[in-house]
Amino acid sequence: QYPATVNITVTKGTVTKVYTLNLSKKLSGEMDSQILPVYGGADSIVSMSYDDGYYDSVEILNQLLVTYNLKASAMMIAERVNDSNVQQWIDLFNQGYVEPQNHSMTHLNLKDNPTDENYQTEILDSQTRLENYFGNDILAYAAAYNVLSDGAWETVMDSHYAARLGAYGINSLDLKDTTDAGGWYNLYNVPFKKSNVSDQYSYLVHNLNKAVENGGWLLTMCHGVGAGTNSEISEATAAALFAQIARLQEEGKVWNATMSEAIKYLRQYQNMTSHAQWLGEEVYVTLENTGIELPEDVFDQVMTVKVQVPETWTEALYNKQTAKVFEENGKFYAYIDVTPGATVRVENAEGQLPVDENLKFSMDRIGTRIVPPATDSKS
């Protein structure tokens, strides 16, 4: 059985020495690998959405997010963004804490106004307007008044990758492409404001803890924070909630993601497979699209892959990052981040020296080799 240790005692005259021989299996070929359902190996995902796109509310939200190093999505009513105010939105989004997503063009009720012209304006034109202004991938649609006609739903399904209406609850990590409650096109959400709730903070933390315990995707919905327009939560309560999310993220129990990040990751998780190959003294990890074909220019979210490594490793090195090695059912693994379309080389971190910026690199078929520069010194 491996790994094994053999102690060899050698005596010569009055001198005795003990040598230890460590034995392990030589690895070759395909290694175990598995894409994790949540980035970083967290238990759950938390995404926060804020409707209507009032700048004063989003600005207050952004300040809180900066404080707790969290992210959220602003569901924009597209007609409110124009040439006169777009720069302030661009400056805010470029800080990296809030992203724009689609909440219609004019906030028209599409169930009461079911025409092809309205579908074009409220769903497609709004998406195009936001993408043209901000350059983001607009993947999510939040329906005005939480309702859609059958025709509107079809248009959303043809143009977006997820929709949020008014279904209450916590999403699974393996959603179906349906308009049923809890499906990709009728995502469950937890509103910040609920009529029968007296203790807002406890209610929100209860849902947060429930997502962690059950391994789900918590998507919250709110209109405004603090003194902002359409406020539904005080700054103090929001700050307390954000502190709790940040703590759980620090503990590895939560991945706080924007809506687009969560949509990309979970869609990729459903349609991609990981491969790990042992070559020489290294493991090479790739992702392959084996399900619904996902556009490569959109679905580029970094995935966390559990990769088998040799039992003699205690730490793995990849892309100038290190990952702890752990044992599971007699095998040894590390969590490695992999981007779709890329090949990641994983090696034993023990004994690796920092890479000198002056080193030159040359590529071959199986990875990167470090070629030291010519030098006369004996270092």
Protein backbone atom coordinates (compact mmCIF):
# COMPACT_ATOMS: atom_id res chain seq x y z
CA GLN A 1 0.00 0.00 0.00
CA TYR A 2 1.20 3.48 -0.85
CA PRO A 3 2.51 5.81 0.33
CA ALA A 4 4.95 3.64 2.25
CA THR A 5 8.13 4.17 4.26
CA VAL A 6 11.03 1.74 4.62
CA ASN A 7 13.75 2.30 7.21
CA ILE A 8 17.15 0.81 6.33
CA THR A 9 19.77 0.37 9.06
CA VAL A 10 23.41 0.12 7.99
CA THR A 11 26.16 -0.74 10.46
CA LYS A 12 29.86 -0.49 9.67
CA GLY A 13 32.18 -1.10 12.52
CA THR A 14 31.03 1.06 15.41
CA VAL A 15 28.99 3.41 13.20
CA THR A 16 25.28 2.80 12.59
CA LYS A 17 23.19 4.89 10.22
CA VAL A 18 19.44 4.73 9.49
CA TYR A 19 18.19 5.66 6.04
CA THR A 20 14.52 6.34 5.29
CA LEU A 21 13.13 5.44 1.87
CA ASN A 22 9.76 6.99 0.95
CA LEU A 23 7.77 5.13 -1.68
CA SER A 24 4.83 6.44 -3.68
CA LYS A 25 2.95 5.44 -6.82
CA LYS A 26 4.16 6.99 -10.05
CA LEU A 27 1.24 8.82 -11.62
CA SER A 28 0.38 8.83 -15.30
CA GLY A 29 -2.50 9.66 -17.57
CA GLU A 30 -5.87 11.10 -16.55
CA MET A 31 -6.24 12.44 -13.02
CA ASP A 32 -9.47 12.93 -11.09
CA SER A 33 -10.98 16.39 -11.49
CA GLN A 34 -14.34 17.99 -10.83
CA ILE A 35 -15.74 21.50 -11.30
CA LEU A 36 -17.10 22.76 -8.00
CA PRO A 37 -20.69 24.08 -7.98
CA VAL A 38 -19.60 27.34 -6.29
CA TYR A 39 -16.46 29.37 -6.89
CA GLY A 40 -13.72 28.82 -4.33
CA GLY A 41 -15.47 25.79 -2.88
CA ALA A 42 -17.94 27.97 -0.95
CA ASP A 43 -21.23 26.51 0.26
CA SER A 44 -23.49 29.08 -1.38
CA ILE A 45 -23.81 32.11 -3.64
CA VAL A 46 -25.20 35.49 -2.59
CA SER A 47 -26.17 38.04 -5.26
CA MET A 48 -27.86 41.37 -4.54
CA SER A 49 -30.04 43.19 -7.09
CA TYR A 50 -31.24 46.80 -6.79
CA ASP A 51 -34.04 47.97 -9.08
CA ASP A 52 -34.84 51.05 -11.15
CA GLY A 53 -31.42 52.69 -11.48
CA TYR A 54 -31.78 55.83 -9.38
CA TYR A 55 -28.28 57.22 -9.17
CA ASP A 56 -28.54 58.56 -5.60
CA SER A 57 -29.61 55.14 -4.29
CA VAL A 58 -26.94 53.25 -6.21
CA GLU A 59 -24.29 55.71 -5.05
CA ILE A 60 -25.17 55.05 -1.39
CA LEU A 61 -25.21 51.33 -2.11
CA ASN A 62 -21.80 51.55 -3.76
CA GLN A 63 -20.28 53.27 -0.74
CA LEU A 64 -21.47 50.44 1.51
CA LEU A 65 -20.19 47.81 -0.90
CA VAL A 66 -16.77 49.46 -0.95
CA THR A 67 -16.67 49.39 2.85
CA TYR A 68 -17.37 45.64 3.01
CA ASN A 69 -15.70 44.69 -0.29
CA LEU A 70 -18.90 43.23 -1.75
CA LYS A 71 -20.62 43.35 -5.15
CA ALA A 72 -24.17 43.94 -6.41
CA SER A 73 -26.18 44.42 -9.61
CA ALA A 74 -28.14 47.56 -10.51
CA MET A 75 -31.22 46.62 -12.54
CA MET A 76 -31.42 49.63 -14.85
CA ILE A 77 -34.48 51.25 -16.44
CA ALA A 78 -32.60 51.99 -19.62
CA GLU A 79 -34.34 55.24 -20.65
CA ARG A 80 -32.98 56.88 -17.49
CA VAL A 81 -29.46 56.57 -18.88
CA ASN A 82 -28.59 59.16 -21.51
CA ASP A 83 -25.67 61.13 -22.89
CA SER A 84 -25.95 63.76 -20.17
CA ASN A 85 -25.59 61.37 -17.22
CA VAL A 86 -23.91 58.26 -18.59
CA GLN A 87 -20.40 59.30 -17.52
CA GLN A 88 -21.27 59.33 -13.83
CA TRP A 89 -22.68 55.82 -14.22
CA ILE A 90 -19.57 54.67 -16.06
CA ASP A 91 -17.35 56.10 -13.32
CA LEU A 92 -19.38 54.31 -10.66
CA PHE A 93 -19.48 50.94 -12.45
CA ASN A 94 -15.75 51.13 -13.20
CA GLN A 95 -15.02 51.00 -9.48
CA GLY A 96 -15.91 47.31 -9.72
CA TYR A 97 -18.54 46.96 -6.99
CA VAL A 98 -21.77 47.44 -8.97
CA GLU A 99 -22.66 46.21 -12.46
CA PRO A 100 -25.64 47.14 -14.70
CA GLN A 101 -28.31 44.65 -15.76
CA ASN A 102 -31.64 45.04 -17.59
CA HIS A 103 -34.91 46.21 -15.98
CA SER A 104 -36.74 47.25 -19.18
CA MET A 105 -36.74 50.48 -21.15
CA THR A 106 -39.60 52.37 -19.46
CA HIS A 107 -40.86 49.96 -16.76
CA LEU A 108 -43.90 49.01 -18.83
CA ASN A 109 -46.14 46.18 -17.63
CA LEU A 110 -45.69 43.64 -20.44
CA LYS A 111 -48.44 41.35 -19.21
CA ASP A 112 -50.98 44.14 -19.69
CA ASN A 113 -49.34 45.40 -22.91
CA PRO A 114 -48.43 42.23 -24.84
CA THR A 115 -47.32 43.46 -28.27
CA ASP A 116 -44.28 42.64 -30.37
CA GLU A 117 -43.42 46.33 -30.51
CA ASN A 118 -43.36 46.52 -26.71
CA TYR A 119 -41.27 43.36 -26.48
CA GLN A 120 -38.76 44.90 -28.87
CA THR A 121 -38.55 48.16 -26.92
CA GLU A 122 -38.76 46.93 -23.33
CA ILE A 123 -36.57 43.83 -23.65
CA LEU A 124 -34.32 43.99 -26.71
CA ASP A 125 -33.77 47.70 -27.21
CA SER A 126 -33.12 48.24 -23.50
CA GLN A 127 -30.53 45.46 -23.53
CA THR A 128 -28.81 46.98 -26.57
CA ARG A 129 -28.86 50.47 -25.07
CA LEU A 130 -27.22 49.30 -21.84
CA GLU A 131 -24.60 47.23 -23.66
CA ASN A 132 -23.75 50.14 -25.95
CA TYR A 133 -23.38 52.55 -23.06
CA PHE A 134 -21.50 50.32 -20.64
CA GLY A 135 -19.95 47.52 -22.68
CA ASN A 136 -21.09 44.94 -20.15
CA ASP A 137 -22.67 41.59 -20.87
CA ILE A 138 -26.35 42.18 -20.08
CA LEU A 139 -27.39 38.63 -19.21
CA ALA A 140 -30.24 39.14 -16.71
CA TYR A 141 -33.70 40.66 -17.13
CA ALA A 142 -35.79 41.87 -14.19
CA ALA A 143 -39.42 42.14 -15.24
CA ALA A 144 -41.31 45.37 -14.46
CA TYR A 145 -44.00 44.71 -11.82
CA ASN A 146 -42.68 41.12 -11.65
CA VAL A 147 -44.89 39.97 -14.54
CA LEU A 148 -44.43 38.89 -18.17
CA SER A 149 -46.78 37.73 -20.89
CA ASP A 150 -46.02 34.45 -22.66
CA GLY A 151 -44.68 36.37 -25.65
CA ALA A 152 -42.48 38.54 -23.44
CA TRP A 153 -41.10 35.45 -21.74
CA GLU A 154 -40.20 33.96 -25.12
CA THR A 155 -38.37 37.16 -26.08
CA VAL A 156 -36.43 37.18 -22.81
CA MET A 157 -35.47 33.52 -23.23
CA ASP A 158 -34.15 34.25 -26.73
CA SER A 159 -32.04 37.21 -25.63
CA HIS A 160 -31.03 36.80 -21.97
CA TYR A 161 -29.71 33.94 -19.85
CA ALA A 162 -31.88 34.52 -16.76
CA ALA A 163 -34.92 36.46 -15.58
CA ARG A 164 -36.08 37.61 -12.16
CA LEU A 165 -39.77 38.08 -11.43
CA GLY A 166 -41.48 37.82 -8.05
CA ALA A 167 -41.13 34.18 -6.97
CA TYR A 168 -40.04 34.07 -3.31
CA GLY A 169 -37.34 31.67 -2.17
CA ILE A 170 -33.73 30.52 -2.60
CA ASN A 171 -32.50 29.05 -5.87
CA SER A 172 -30.77 25.70 -6.25
CA LEU A 173 -27.32 25.52 -7.81
CA ASP A 174 -28.64 23.43 -10.72
CA LEU A 175 -31.44 25.44 -12.31
CA LYS A 176 -33.67 24.29 -15.16
CA ASP A 177 -34.30 26.24 -18.37
CA THR A 178 -37.96 26.87 -17.54
CA THR A 179 -40.27 29.71 -16.54
CA ASP A 180 -41.41 27.75 -13.49
CA ALA A 181 -40.65 29.36 -10.14
CA GLY A 182 -37.02 28.66 -9.34
CA GLY A 183 -36.09 28.12 -13.01
CA TRP A 184 -33.60 30.17 -14.99
CA TYR A 185 -36.38 32.43 -16.30
CA ASN A 186 -38.24 32.87 -13.02
CA LEU A 187 -35.51 33.04 -10.43
CA TYR A 188 -36.44 32.89 -6.78
CA ASN A 189 -35.57 36.06 -4.89
CA VAL A 190 -35.77 37.40 -1.36
CA PRO A 191 -36.98 41.03 -1.17
CA PHE A 192 -35.44 43.30 1.44
CA LYS A 193 -38.90 44.66 2.23
CA LYS A 194 -41.67 42.21 3.17
CA SER A 195 -45.02 43.36 4.52
CA ASN A 196 -45.34 40.78 7.31
CA VAL A 197 -41.77 41.16 8.59
CA SER A 198 -41.11 43.31 11.66
CA ASP A 199 -37.40 42.53 12.18
CA GLN A 200 -35.86 43.13 8.77
CA TYR A 201 -32.30 42.21 9.71
CA SER A 202 -33.24 38.89 11.33
CA TYR A 203 -35.43 37.98 8.37
CA LEU A 204 -32.62 38.64 5.88
CA VAL A 205 -29.97 36.85 7.95
CA HIS A 206 -32.33 33.86 8.31
CA ASN A 207 -32.47 33.54 4.53
CA LEU A 208 -28.72 34.04 4.27
CA ASN A 209 -28.04 31.24 6.76
CA LYS A 210 -30.60 29.03 5.03
CA ALA A 211 -28.74 29.42 1.72
CA VAL A 212 -25.47 28.47 3.41
CA GLU A 213 -26.96 25.45 5.17
CA ASN A 214 -28.76 24.10 2.09
CA GLY A 215 -26.17 25.07 -0.50
CA GLY A 216 -28.21 27.48 -2.62
CA TRP A 217 -28.10 30.74 -4.54
CA LEU A 218 -29.62 33.61 -2.57
CA LEU A 219 -30.72 36.47 -4.83
CA THR A 220 -31.99 39.52 -2.96
CA MET A 221 -34.10 42.36 -4.35
CA CYS A 222 -34.28 45.95 -3.14
CA HIS A 223 -35.15 49.39 -4.55
CA GLY A 224 -33.13 51.78 -2.42
CA VAL A 225 -30.85 52.17 0.59
CA GLY A 226 -30.67 54.79 3.31
CA ALA A 227 -31.65 58.29 2.16
CA GLY A 228 -31.78 57.23 -1.48
CA THR A 229 -34.87 57.24 -3.71
CA ASN A 230 -37.37 54.44 -2.97
CA SER A 231 -35.39 53.34 0.06
CA GLU A 232 -36.47 50.01 1.58
CA ILE A 233 -33.71 49.52 4.15
CA SER A 234 -31.78 51.82 6.45
CA GLU A 235 -28.06 52.26 6.00
CA ALA A 236 -27.49 50.79 9.47
CA THR A 237 -29.47 47.62 8.71
CA ALA A 238 -27.84 47.27 5.29
CA ALA A 239 -24.40 47.71 6.86
CA ALA A 240 -25.12 45.03 9.45
CA LEU A 241 -26.30 42.64 6.72
CA PHE A 242 -23.28 43.38 4.52
CA ALA A 243 -20.94 42.78 7.47
CA GLN A 244 -22.53 39.36 7.95
CA ILE A 245 -22.17 38.48 4.25
CA ALA A 246 -18.54 39.64 4.30
CA ARG A 247 -17.82 37.51 7.38
CA LEU A 248 -19.34 34.41 5.79
CA GLN A 249 -17.36 35.06 2.62
CA GLU A 250 -14.15 35.35 4.64
CA GLU A 251 -14.99 32.00 6.27
CA GLY A 252 -15.41 30.39 2.84
CA LYS A 253 -19.12 29.73 3.29
CA VAL A 254 -20.38 32.31 0.76
CA TRP A 255 -19.33 33.55 -2.64
CA ASN A 256 -20.72 37.06 -3.16
CA ALA A 257 -21.19 37.46 -6.91
CA THR A 258 -22.89 39.89 -9.24
CA MET A 259 -25.81 38.46 -11.18
CA SER A 260 -23.73 38.12 -14.34
CA GLU A 261 -20.92 36.34 -12.46
CA ALA A 262 -23.36 33.89 -10.86
CA ILE A 263 -25.18 33.28 -14.15
CA LYS A 264 -21.94 32.62 -16.00
CA TYR A 265 -20.54 30.33 -13.32
CA LEU A 266 -23.68 28.23 -12.90
CA ARG A 267 -24.33 28.01 -16.66
CA GLN A 268 -20.72 26.91 -17.19
CA TYR A 269 -21.01 24.45 -14.30
CA GLN A 270 -24.02 22.88 -16.04
CA ASN A 271 -22.38 22.65 -19.46
CA MET A 272 -18.63 22.19 -18.94
CA THR A 273 -16.43 19.28 -17.88
CA SER A 274 -12.92 19.43 -16.44
CA HIS A 275 -9.96 17.31 -17.55
CA ALA A 276 -6.69 16.83 -15.70
CA GLN A 277 -3.67 15.10 -17.24
CA TRP A 278 -0.44 14.07 -15.49
CA LEU A 279 2.58 14.76 -17.70
CA GLY A 280 6.09 14.44 -16.35
CA GLU A 281 5.98 16.06 -12.94
CA GLU A 282 3.00 18.35 -13.54
CA VAL A 283 -0.79 18.25 -13.89
CA TYR A 284 -2.46 20.09 -16.77
CA VAL A 285 -6.08 21.16 -16.28
CA THR A 286 -8.56 22.26 -18.97
CA LEU A 287 -12.30 22.85 -19.31
CA GLU A 288 -14.41 21.45 -22.15
CA ASN A 289 -17.89 22.55 -23.21
CA THR A 290 -19.86 19.29 -23.29
CA GLY A 291 -23.42 20.60 -22.98
CA ILE A 292 -25.23 23.55 -24.54
CA GLU A 293 -22.74 25.55 -26.59
CA LEU A 294 -21.95 28.75 -24.69
CA PRO A 295 -20.56 31.81 -26.51
CA GLU A 296 -16.85 31.99 -25.66
CA ASP A 297 -16.81 35.79 -25.73
CA VAL A 298 -19.44 35.87 -22.96
CA PHE A 299 -18.88 32.80 -20.82
CA ASP A 300 -15.37 33.41 -19.52
CA GLN A 301 -15.99 33.13 -15.78
CA VAL A 302 -13.13 31.58 -13.79
CA MET A 303 -14.13 28.17 -12.41
CA THR A 304 -12.79 26.34 -9.36
CA VAL A 305 -11.75 22.76 -10.11
CA LYS A 306 -10.91 20.08 -7.56
CA VAL A 307 -7.84 18.38 -9.06
CA GLN A 308 -6.06 15.22 -7.97
CA VAL A 309 -2.35 15.68 -7.23
CA PRO A 310 0.42 13.36 -5.96
CA GLU A 311 0.20 12.34 -2.31
CA THR A 312 3.70 13.70 -1.69
CA TRP A 313 2.60 17.28 -2.38
CA THR A 314 1.55 19.51 0.50
CA GLU A 315 0.93 22.59 -1.63
CA ALA A 316 0.25 23.10 -5.34
CA LEU A 317 1.54 25.97 -7.46
CA TYR A 318 -0.32 27.38 -10.48
CA ASN A 319 -0.42 30.79 -12.19
CA LYS A 320 1.83 32.20 -9.43
CA GLN A 321 -0.77 31.12 -6.84
CA THR A 322 -0.61 28.38 -4.24
CA ALA A 323 -3.31 25.97 -3.10
CA LYS A 324 -3.30 23.69 -0.06
CA VAL A 325 -3.39 19.96 -0.73
CA PHE A 326 -5.93 17.90 1.23
CA GLU A 327 -6.82 14.22 1.48
CA GLU A 328 -10.23 12.84 0.57
CA ASN A 329 -11.05 9.11 0.45
CA GLY A 330 -7.41 8.13 0.16
CA LYS A 331 -6.59 10.55 -2.66
CA PHE A 332 -5.06 14.01 -2.58
CA TYR A 333 -6.53 17.13 -4.14
CA ALA A 334 -6.11 20.88 -4.54
CA TYR A 335 -8.57 23.58 -5.59
CA ILE A 336 -7.38 25.24 -8.81
CA ASP A 337 -8.92 28.22 -10.64
CA VAL A 338 -9.33 27.64 -14.38
CA THR A 339 -10.60 30.01 -17.09
CA PRO A 340 -12.53 28.46 -20.01
CA GLY A 341 -10.28 28.10 -23.04
CA ALA A 342 -7.06 28.09 -21.01
CA THR A 343 -4.75 25.28 -19.90
CA VAL A 344 -3.48 25.56 -16.33
CA ARG A 345 -0.21 23.91 -15.33
CA VAL A 346 -0.10 22.69 -11.72
CA GLU A 347 3.14 21.69 -10.03
CA ASN A 348 4.53 20.92 -6.62
CA ALA A 349 5.03 24.20 -4.75
CA GLU A 350 7.72 22.74 -2.48
CA GLY A 351 11.15 23.95 -3.42
CA GLN A 352 9.89 26.42 -6.02
CA LEU A 353 11.77 29.72 -6.05
CA PRO A 354 10.16 33.09 -6.83
CA VAL A 355 10.17 33.84 -10.55
CA ASP A 356 12.72 36.49 -11.54
CA GLU A 357 11.17 39.17 -13.74
CA ASN A 358 14.22 38.95 -16.04
CA LEU A 359 13.70 35.27 -16.82
CA LYS A 360 12.72 34.55 -20.40
CA PHE A 361 9.88 32.20 -21.28
CA SER A 362 9.45 29.82 -24.19
CA MET A 363 6.33 27.79 -24.93
CA ASP A 364 6.03 24.22 -26.13
CA ARG A 365 3.08 21.89 -26.52
CA ILE A 366 2.75 20.92 -22.88
CA GLY A 367 3.41 24.15 -21.05
CA THR A 368 5.83 26.91 -20.16
CA ARG A 369 9.52 26.30 -19.55
CA ILE A 370 11.63 28.85 -17.72
CA VAL A 371 14.84 29.62 -19.60
CA PRO A 372 17.37 31.53 -17.47
CA PRO A 373 19.08 34.45 -19.20
CA ALA A 374 22.70 34.07 -20.25
CA THR A 375 25.01 35.13 -17.45
CA ASP A 376 28.65 34.78 -16.45
CA SER A 377 27.89 34.79 -12.73
CA LYS A 378 27.82 31.58 -10.69
CA SER A 379 24.72 32.17 -8.67
